[in-house]
């Protein structure tokens, strides 16, 4: 690397250091506090196998134990699935499906039950229909699992931003 390129990179690093951006996750300062709050979330059980996948992904992302005892917050998740055939053959046989997964979430204070924040995340997964019914089912489950994991990442990001903004958020509402 040339000296001029190294100096240009150093100058960019100095400029970016003062821009106000900082990581949401980590082990220092405010990021550690946000991580601690995420770890204090109990994710309530969600019915069906896709709900199970979503709940486990959230628990893993929050780095939480999954136990309700000692949790400062509770996350209630409701999911809705919609399947739509999008590719048809001449004989009207469907060869491709889109599954839309909509997840409503609500974070409450475990002590008071006050709603702290809520939101909606939506994901789309697609899979092909093949000759083997088992292979088609496996493709559907894999696509839906990837969609649930993507939504779990987005919910974690939403909640991390919520905790990071802290005092800037409106007062919690009660149920």
Protein backbone atom coordinates (compact mmCIF):
# COMPACT_ATOMS: atom_id res chain seq x y z
CA UNK A 1 0.00 0.00 0.00
CA UNK A 2 1.34 3.40 -0.88
CA UNK A 3 1.96 6.10 1.70
CA UNK A 4 -0.63 8.43 0.13
CA UNK A 5 -3.27 5.71 0.25
CA UNK A 6 -2.48 4.98 3.90
CA UNK A 7 -2.75 8.68 4.75
CA UNK A 8 -6.09 8.91 2.92
CA UNK A 9 -7.46 5.92 4.87
CA UNK A 10 -6.25 7.42 8.15
CA UNK A 11 -7.92 10.73 7.32
CA UNK A 12 -11.20 8.96 6.51
CA UNK A 13 -11.01 7.04 9.79
CA UNK A 14 -10.54 10.26 11.75
CA UNK A 15 -13.48 11.92 9.98
CA UNK A 16 -15.77 8.92 10.50
CA UNK A 17 -14.82 8.74 14.18
CA UNK A 18 -16.55 12.04 14.84
CA UNK A 19 -19.72 11.38 12.84
CA UNK A 20 -21.76 10.03 15.76
CA UNK A 21 -22.16 6.46 14.56
CA UNK A 22 -21.36 3.67 16.98
CA UNK A 23 -22.11 -0.06 17.12
CA UNK A 24 -25.34 -1.32 18.69
CA UNK A 25 -23.69 -4.47 20.03
CA UNK A 26 -20.44 -4.94 21.85
CA UNK A 27 -18.69 -5.09 25.19
CA UNK A 28 -17.99 -1.45 25.94
CA UNK A 29 -19.98 1.53 27.16
CA UNK A 30 -23.54 1.96 25.96
CA UNK A 31 -23.32 -1.04 23.66
CA UNK A 32 -22.77 -3.36 26.63
CA UNK A 33 -25.83 -1.85 28.32
CA UNK A 34 -27.93 -2.46 25.20
CA UNK A 35 -26.65 -6.05 25.02
CA UNK A 36 -27.59 -6.55 28.67
CA UNK A 37 -31.10 -5.30 28.03
CA UNK A 38 -31.50 -7.63 25.05
CA UNK A 39 -30.30 -10.55 27.19
CA UNK A 40 -32.98 -9.66 29.78
CA UNK A 41 -35.83 -10.34 27.31
CA UNK A 42 -37.98 -13.43 27.75
CA UNK A 43 -39.43 -14.51 24.41
CA UNK A 44 -42.84 -16.02 24.99
CA UNK A 45 -43.56 -19.37 23.29
CA UNK A 46 -45.02 -19.13 19.79
CA UNK A 47 -47.32 -21.87 18.45
CA UNK A 48 -46.42 -24.14 15.49
CA UNK A 49 -43.05 -25.27 14.17
CA UNK A 50 -42.23 -22.00 12.41
CA UNK A 51 -42.97 -20.11 15.62
CA UNK A 52 -40.59 -22.46 17.40
CA UNK A 53 -37.85 -21.61 14.88
CA UNK A 54 -38.52 -17.88 15.24
CA UNK A 55 -38.46 -18.04 19.04
CA UNK A 56 -35.19 -20.00 19.11
CA UNK A 57 -33.57 -17.57 16.66
CA UNK A 58 -34.62 -14.64 18.86
CA UNK A 59 -33.30 -16.31 22.03
CA UNK A 60 -29.98 -16.99 20.31
CA UNK A 61 -29.73 -13.43 18.97
CA UNK A 62 -30.58 -11.87 22.32
CA UNK A 63 -28.01 -14.13 23.98
CA UNK A 64 -30.72 -14.90 26.52
CA UNK A 65 -31.34 -18.04 28.51
CA UNK A 66 -34.98 -18.28 27.43
CA UNK A 67 -36.20 -18.49 31.04
CA UNK A 68 -38.90 -16.16 32.35
CA UNK A 69 -37.47 -15.92 35.87
CA UNK A 70 -35.35 -12.82 36.25
CA UNK A 71 -36.30 -11.38 32.86
CA UNK A 72 -36.93 -7.64 32.89
CA UNK A 73 -38.87 -7.68 29.62
CA UNK A 74 -41.28 -9.98 27.80
CA UNK A 75 -41.54 -10.24 24.04
CA UNK A 76 -44.88 -11.43 22.68
CA UNK A 77 -44.74 -12.53 19.05
CA UNK A 78 -47.67 -13.32 16.76
CA UNK A 79 -47.06 -14.67 13.29
CA UNK A 80 -49.26 -15.05 10.25
CA UNK A 81 -48.37 -17.13 7.21
CA UNK A 82 -49.79 -16.74 3.72
CA UNK A 83 -48.95 -19.04 0.81
CA UNK A 84 -49.51 -18.01 -2.79
CA UNK A 85 -48.88 -19.97 -5.98
CA UNK A 86 -46.95 -17.73 -8.39
CA UNK A 87 -45.88 -19.95 -11.29
CA UNK A 88 -48.27 -22.11 -13.27
CA UNK A 89 -47.76 -24.66 -16.01
CA UNK A 90 -50.08 -25.00 -19.01
CA UNK A 91 -52.11 -27.64 -17.15
CA UNK A 92 -52.64 -25.19 -14.22
CA UNK A 93 -50.21 -27.07 -11.95
CA UNK A 94 -48.41 -24.72 -9.57
CA UNK A 95 -44.62 -24.94 -9.81
CA UNK A 96 -43.52 -22.15 -7.46
CA UNK A 97 -44.88 -20.72 -4.24
CA UNK A 98 -44.26 -17.53 -2.28
CA UNK A 99 -44.80 -17.70 1.47
CA UNK A 100 -45.30 -14.37 3.23
CA UNK A 101 -44.55 -14.34 6.95
CA UNK A 102 -45.85 -11.38 8.95
CA UNK A 103 -44.68 -11.06 12.55
CA UNK A 104 -46.20 -8.64 15.04
CA UNK A 105 -44.15 -8.17 18.18
CA UNK A 106 -44.77 -6.38 21.44
CA UNK A 107 -42.17 -5.72 24.15
CA UNK A 108 -43.57 -5.25 27.64
CA UNK A 109 -42.09 -4.50 31.02
CA UNK A 110 -42.16 -7.79 32.96
CA UNK A 111 -43.04 -6.09 36.26
CA UNK A 112 -45.79 -3.70 35.18
CA UNK A 113 -47.03 -5.22 31.94
CA UNK A 114 -46.69 -1.81 30.25
CA UNK A 115 -46.14 -1.96 26.50
CA UNK A 116 -42.75 -0.41 25.77
CA UNK A 117 -42.65 -0.81 21.99
CA UNK A 118 -44.24 -2.83 19.25
CA UNK A 119 -43.75 -3.38 15.58
CA UNK A 120 -44.35 -5.46 12.48
CA UNK A 121 -41.81 -7.28 10.33
CA UNK A 122 -42.63 -9.09 7.11
CA UNK A 123 -40.58 -11.60 5.16
CA UNK A 124 -41.02 -13.37 1.87
CA UNK A 125 -39.69 -16.82 1.05
CA UNK A 126 -40.03 -18.73 -2.20
CA UNK A 127 -39.59 -22.34 -3.17
CA UNK A 128 -40.14 -24.55 -6.20
CA UNK A 129 -42.46 -27.52 -6.43
CA UNK A 130 -40.62 -30.64 -7.57
CA UNK A 131 -41.71 -34.21 -8.38
CA UNK A 132 -41.04 -35.46 -4.86
CA UNK A 133 -43.57 -34.24 -2.26
CA UNK A 134 -40.95 -34.70 0.46
CA UNK A 135 -38.41 -32.55 -1.39
CA UNK A 136 -41.06 -29.85 -1.89
CA UNK A 137 -41.93 -29.91 1.81
CA UNK A 138 -38.25 -29.75 2.75
CA UNK A 139 -37.76 -26.78 0.41
CA UNK A 140 -40.76 -24.99 1.93
CA UNK A 141 -39.55 -25.55 5.49
CA UNK A 142 -36.04 -24.39 4.63
CA UNK A 143 -37.32 -21.24 2.90
CA UNK A 144 -39.67 -20.43 5.80
CA UNK A 145 -36.92 -21.04 8.37
CA UNK A 146 -34.61 -18.61 6.55
CA UNK A 147 -37.40 -16.04 6.46
CA UNK A 148 -38.02 -16.46 10.21
CA UNK A 149 -34.30 -16.04 10.96
CA UNK A 150 -34.19 -12.88 8.84
CA UNK A 151 -37.17 -11.47 10.71
CA UNK A 152 -35.55 -12.37 14.03
CA UNK A 153 -32.47 -10.34 13.03
CA UNK A 154 -34.66 -7.37 12.15
CA UNK A 155 -36.60 -7.58 15.42
CA UNK A 156 -33.30 -7.66 17.33
CA UNK A 157 -32.13 -4.58 15.44
CA UNK A 158 -35.42 -2.76 16.12
CA UNK A 159 -35.21 -3.53 19.83
CA UNK A 160 -31.51 -2.61 20.04
CA UNK A 161 -32.27 0.75 18.44
CA UNK A 162 -35.19 1.19 20.86
CA UNK A 163 -32.97 0.52 23.88
CA UNK A 164 -30.14 2.64 22.49
CA UNK A 165 -32.43 5.64 22.04
CA UNK A 166 -33.67 5.12 25.60
CA UNK A 167 -34.83 8.48 26.89
CA UNK A 168 -35.81 9.67 23.40
CA UNK A 169 -38.69 7.22 23.25
CA UNK A 170 -42.21 8.11 24.40
CA UNK A 171 -43.46 6.93 27.78
CA UNK A 172 -44.68 3.31 27.89
CA UNK A 173 -48.39 2.68 27.47
CA UNK A 174 -50.36 0.25 29.58
CA UNK A 175 -52.41 -2.62 28.20
